[in-house]
Amino acid sequence: MTRLSAATYMLIVQRSYAVDGEHEPERRCWDNSVVESFFGKLKSERLHWRSYHTRSEGRADVVEYITMRHNSLRLHSYLDYLSPDEFERRGQLAKAA
């Protein structure tokens, strides 16, 4: 598995998606906290414990983690300790009632 430095990764992202890395002129550090939290959990729960032979194998494993673990089972404090799937189900039930 290839490991990239943060600077190299940002350069790849900037070139691939034409982003500048600036969200606001002040660059508030808490703007990205949800994403940072998600990627931290993804790395500690999944990526650091596995190795992938191909990029598609890694991508499939990450998709499986998101759909089967993160969205279905993991409770999120900002969703009143519900999983995202349960939170959406309850929202749909509330709209139907």
Protein backbone atom coordinates (compact mmCIF):
# COMPACT_ATOMS: atom_id res chain seq x y z
CA MET A 1 0.00 0.00 0.00
CA THR A 2 1.41 3.37 -0.97
CA ARG A 3 1.53 6.01 1.74
CA LEU A 4 1.35 9.65 0.76
CA SER A 5 2.34 12.68 2.75
CA ALA A 6 -0.42 15.20 3.44
CA ALA A 7 1.20 17.70 1.07
CA THR A 8 1.40 15.15 -1.76
CA TYR A 9 -2.21 14.10 -1.18
CA MET A 10 -3.43 17.71 -1.26
CA LEU A 11 -1.52 18.32 -4.49
CA ILE A 12 -3.17 15.28 -6.11
CA VAL A 13 -6.62 16.39 -4.93
CA GLN A 14 -6.07 19.94 -6.11
CA ARG A 15 -4.98 18.81 -9.57
CA SER A 16 -7.66 16.12 -9.89
CA TYR A 17 -10.64 18.13 -8.74
CA ALA A 18 -9.54 21.71 -9.42
CA VAL A 19 -9.89 22.81 -5.80
CA ASP A 20 -7.72 25.36 -4.11
CA GLY A 21 -7.88 24.03 -0.54
CA GLU A 22 -9.34 27.31 0.74
CA HIS A 23 -12.85 27.25 2.17
CA GLU A 24 -12.82 30.76 3.55
CA PRO A 25 -10.16 33.44 3.76
CA GLU A 26 -9.82 32.86 7.52
CA ARG A 27 -9.54 29.06 7.11
CA ARG A 28 -11.39 28.05 10.23
CA CYS A 29 -10.10 24.74 11.49
CA TRP A 30 -13.48 23.49 12.75
CA ASP A 31 -15.08 23.69 9.28
CA ASN A 32 -13.70 20.26 8.50
CA SER A 33 -14.26 18.56 11.86
CA VAL A 34 -16.97 16.12 10.70
CA VAL A 35 -14.86 14.97 7.75
CA GLU A 36 -11.72 14.71 9.88
CA SER A 37 -13.64 12.65 12.45
CA PHE A 38 -15.00 10.30 9.78
CA PHE A 39 -11.62 9.73 8.14
CA GLY A 40 -9.97 9.19 11.52
CA LYS A 41 -12.49 6.46 12.34
CA LEU A 42 -12.20 4.94 8.87
CA LYS A 43 -8.42 4.74 9.20
CA SER A 44 -8.36 3.38 12.75
CA GLU A 45 -11.21 0.89 12.32
CA ARG A 46 -10.54 -0.30 8.81
CA LEU A 47 -7.59 0.89 6.75
CA HIS A 48 -4.72 0.45 9.22
CA TRP A 49 -5.65 -3.20 9.75
CA ARG A 50 -5.92 -4.26 6.11
CA SER A 51 -3.85 -4.30 2.96
CA TYR A 52 -5.25 -4.22 -0.54
CA HIS A 53 -3.79 -5.69 -3.71
CA THR A 54 -5.65 -3.36 -6.04
CA ARG A 55 -7.24 0.06 -5.82
CA SER A 56 -10.65 -1.39 -6.69
CA GLU A 57 -10.35 -3.89 -3.83
CA GLY A 58 -9.63 -1.02 -1.43
CA ARG A 59 -12.46 1.07 -2.83
CA ALA A 60 -14.93 -1.83 -2.47
CA ASP A 61 -13.85 -2.37 1.13
CA VAL A 62 -14.31 1.33 1.99
CA VAL A 63 -17.77 1.35 0.38
CA GLU A 64 -18.66 -1.78 2.35
CA TYR A 65 -17.44 -0.13 5.57
CA ILE A 66 -19.50 3.01 4.95
CA THR A 67 -22.70 1.19 4.00
CA MET A 68 -22.54 -1.73 6.43
CA ARG A 69 -20.78 -0.25 9.48
CA HIS A 70 -20.72 3.53 9.50
CA ASN A 71 -24.24 4.26 8.23
CA SER A 72 -26.02 1.24 9.72
CA LEU A 73 -24.45 0.54 13.09
CA ARG A 74 -22.36 3.45 14.34
CA LEU A 75 -24.24 5.83 16.62
CA HIS A 76 -23.59 9.51 16.07
CA SER A 77 -23.87 12.06 18.86
CA TYR A 78 -25.02 14.82 16.50
CA LEU A 79 -27.94 12.58 15.42
CA ASP A 80 -29.15 12.01 19.00
CA TYR A 81 -27.14 8.79 19.17
CA LEU A 82 -28.88 7.19 16.20
CA SER A 83 -27.22 5.65 13.17
CA PRO A 84 -27.55 7.70 9.96
CA ASP A 85 -29.81 5.01 8.48
CA GLU A 86 -32.12 5.06 11.52
CA PHE A 87 -32.12 8.86 11.56
CA GLU A 88 -33.23 8.94 7.91
CA ARG A 89 -35.87 6.22 8.51
CA ARG A 90 -37.35 8.22 11.37
CA GLY A 91 -37.38 11.33 9.24
CA GLN A 92 -39.26 9.50 6.49
CA LEU A 93 -41.73 8.13 9.04
CA ALA A 94 -42.32 11.62 10.44
CA LYS A 95 -43.01 12.97 6.94
CA ALA A 96 -45.45 10.14 6.21
CA ALA A 97 -47.38 10.66 9.49
